[in-house]
C-alpha atoms as a PDB file:
ATOM      1  CA  MET A   1     134.783 -26.511  98.525  1.00  0.00           C
ATOM      2  CA  THR A   2     134.750 -23.930  95.511  1.00  0.00           C
ATOM      3  CA  SER A   3     132.999 -20.499  95.616  1.00  0.00           C
ATOM      4  CA  LYS A   4     132.185 -17.978  92.923  1.00  0.00           C
ATOM      5  CA  THR A   5     130.719 -14.741  92.890  1.00  0.00           C
ATOM      6  CA  PHE A   6     128.818 -13.166  89.828  1.00  0.00           C
ATOM      7  CA  THR A   7     126.359 -10.925  88.618  1.00  0.00           C
ATOM      8  CA  VAL A   8     123.222 -11.716  87.194  1.00  0.00           C
ATOM      9  CA  PRO A   9     121.802  -8.771  85.235  1.00  0.00           C
ATOM     10  CA  SER A  10     118.274  -9.787  84.906  1.00  0.00           C
ATOM     11  CA  ILE A  11     117.572 -10.006  88.617  1.00  0.00           C
ATOM     12  CA  SER A  12     115.090  -7.256  89.292  1.00  0.00           C
ATOM     13  CA  CYS A  13     113.152  -8.120  92.605  1.00  0.00           C
ATOM     14  CA  GLY A  14     113.138 -10.588  95.641  1.00  0.00           C
ATOM     15  CA  HIS A  15     111.183 -13.079  93.744  1.00  0.00           C
ATOM     16  CA  CYS A  16     114.140 -13.318  91.196  1.00  0.00           C
ATOM     17  CA  THR A  17     116.637 -13.754  94.235  1.00  0.00           C
ATOM     18  CA  HIS A  18     114.259 -16.441  95.723  1.00  0.00           C
ATOM     19  CA  THR A  19     113.839 -18.266  92.477  1.00  0.00           C
ATOM     20  CA  ILE A  20     117.910 -18.419  92.310  1.00  0.00           C
ATOM     21  CA  LYS A  21     118.234 -19.562  95.551  1.00  0.00           C
ATOM     22  CA  MET A  22     115.958 -22.240  95.509  1.00  0.00           C
ATOM     23  CA  GLU A  23     116.938 -23.852  92.103  1.00  0.00           C
ATOM     24  CA  VAL A  24     120.392 -23.556  92.373  1.00  0.00           C
ATOM     25  CA  GLY A  25     120.326 -24.800  95.841  1.00  0.00           C
ATOM     26  CA  ASP A  26     118.644 -27.888  94.872  1.00  0.00           C
ATOM     27  CA  LEU A  27     121.570 -28.944  92.824  1.00  0.00           C
ATOM     28  CA  ASP A  28     123.605 -32.009  94.060  1.00  0.00           C
ATOM     29  CA  GLY A  29     126.913 -30.506  95.628  1.00  0.00           C
ATOM     30  CA  VAL A  30     125.698 -27.107  96.138  1.00  0.00           C
ATOM     31  CA  LYS A  31     126.121 -26.104  99.831  1.00  0.00           C
ATOM     32  CA  THR A  32     125.144 -22.140  99.751  1.00  0.00           C
ATOM     33  CA  VAL A  33     123.396 -19.770  97.387  1.00  0.00           C
ATOM     34  CA  THR A  34     123.285 -15.900  98.353  1.00  0.00           C
ATOM     35  CA  ALA A  35     121.581 -13.581  95.850  1.00  0.00           C
ATOM     36  CA  ASP A  36     121.290  -9.551  96.479  1.00  0.00           C
ATOM     37  CA  GLU A  37     118.765  -8.020  94.242  1.00  0.00           C
ATOM     38  CA  LYS A  38     120.356  -4.501  94.762  1.00  0.00           C
ATOM     39  CA  THR A  39     123.811  -5.508  93.502  1.00  0.00           C
ATOM     40  CA  LYS A  40     122.442  -8.308  91.274  1.00  0.00           C
ATOM     41  CA  GLU A  41     125.430 -10.378  92.751  1.00  0.00           C
ATOM     42  CA  VAL A  42     125.028 -14.058  93.319  1.00  0.00           C
ATOM     43  CA  THR A  43     127.581 -16.178  95.553  1.00  0.00           C
ATOM     44  CA  VAL A  44     127.308 -19.924  95.206  1.00  0.00           C
ATOM     45  CA  GLU A  45     129.365 -22.400  97.342  1.00  0.00           C
ATOM     46  CA  TRP A  46     129.704 -26.159  95.889  1.00  0.00           C
ATOM     47  CA  GLU A  47     131.857 -29.367  95.950  1.00  0.00           C
ATOM     48  CA  ALA A  48     132.029 -32.373  93.940  1.00  0.00           C
ATOM     49  CA  PRO A  49     129.909 -33.589  92.175  1.00  0.00           C
ATOM     50  CA  GLN A  50     128.874 -30.247  90.940  1.00  0.00           C
ATOM     51  CA  THR A  51     130.685 -28.377  88.434  1.00  0.00           C
ATOM     52  CA  TRP A  52     130.508 -24.526  87.703  1.00  0.00           C
ATOM     53  CA  GLU A  53     129.206 -25.761  83.955  1.00  0.00           C
ATOM     54  CA  GLY A  54     126.375 -27.424  85.903  1.00  0.00           C
ATOM     55  CA  ILE A  55     125.394 -24.272  87.732  1.00  0.00           C
ATOM     56  CA  GLU A  56     125.833 -21.998  84.848  1.00  0.00           C
ATOM     57  CA  ALA A  57     123.646 -24.384  82.684  1.00  0.00           C
ATOM     58  CA  LEU A  58     120.886 -24.309  85.434  1.00  0.00           C
ATOM     59  CA  LEU A  59     121.091 -20.508  85.741  1.00  0.00           C
ATOM     60  CA  LYS A  60     120.802 -20.119  81.617  1.00  0.00           C
ATOM     61  CA  GLU A  61     117.815 -22.751  81.656  1.00  0.00           C
ATOM     62  CA  ILE A  62     115.669 -20.615  84.580  1.00  0.00           C
ATOM     63  CA  ASP A  63     116.437 -17.381  82.588  1.00  0.00           C
ATOM     64  CA  PHE A  64     118.951 -15.977  85.182  1.00  0.00           C
ATOM     65  CA  PRO A  65     122.245 -16.392  83.187  1.00  0.00           C
ATOM     66  CA  PRO A  66     125.374 -14.783  84.653  1.00  0.00           C
ATOM     67  CA  ALA A  67     126.656 -11.841  83.027  1.00  0.00           C
ATOM     68  CA  SER A  68     129.664 -12.736  80.591  1.00  0.00           C
END
């Protein structure tokens, strides 16, 4: 299992965190998604077939790109 914690600067409310949890959580291989609107931090745990590139692409697609 792989885990990554990252910042998403565009998180501004609970709806943002809910959207991230639901969208990323629907990806094949994603086991857990947590998001905090105060710290703007997101943690995702996944396993194959999912990849960080796939998760990052989805986050960009839904307008919540991770900070560089």
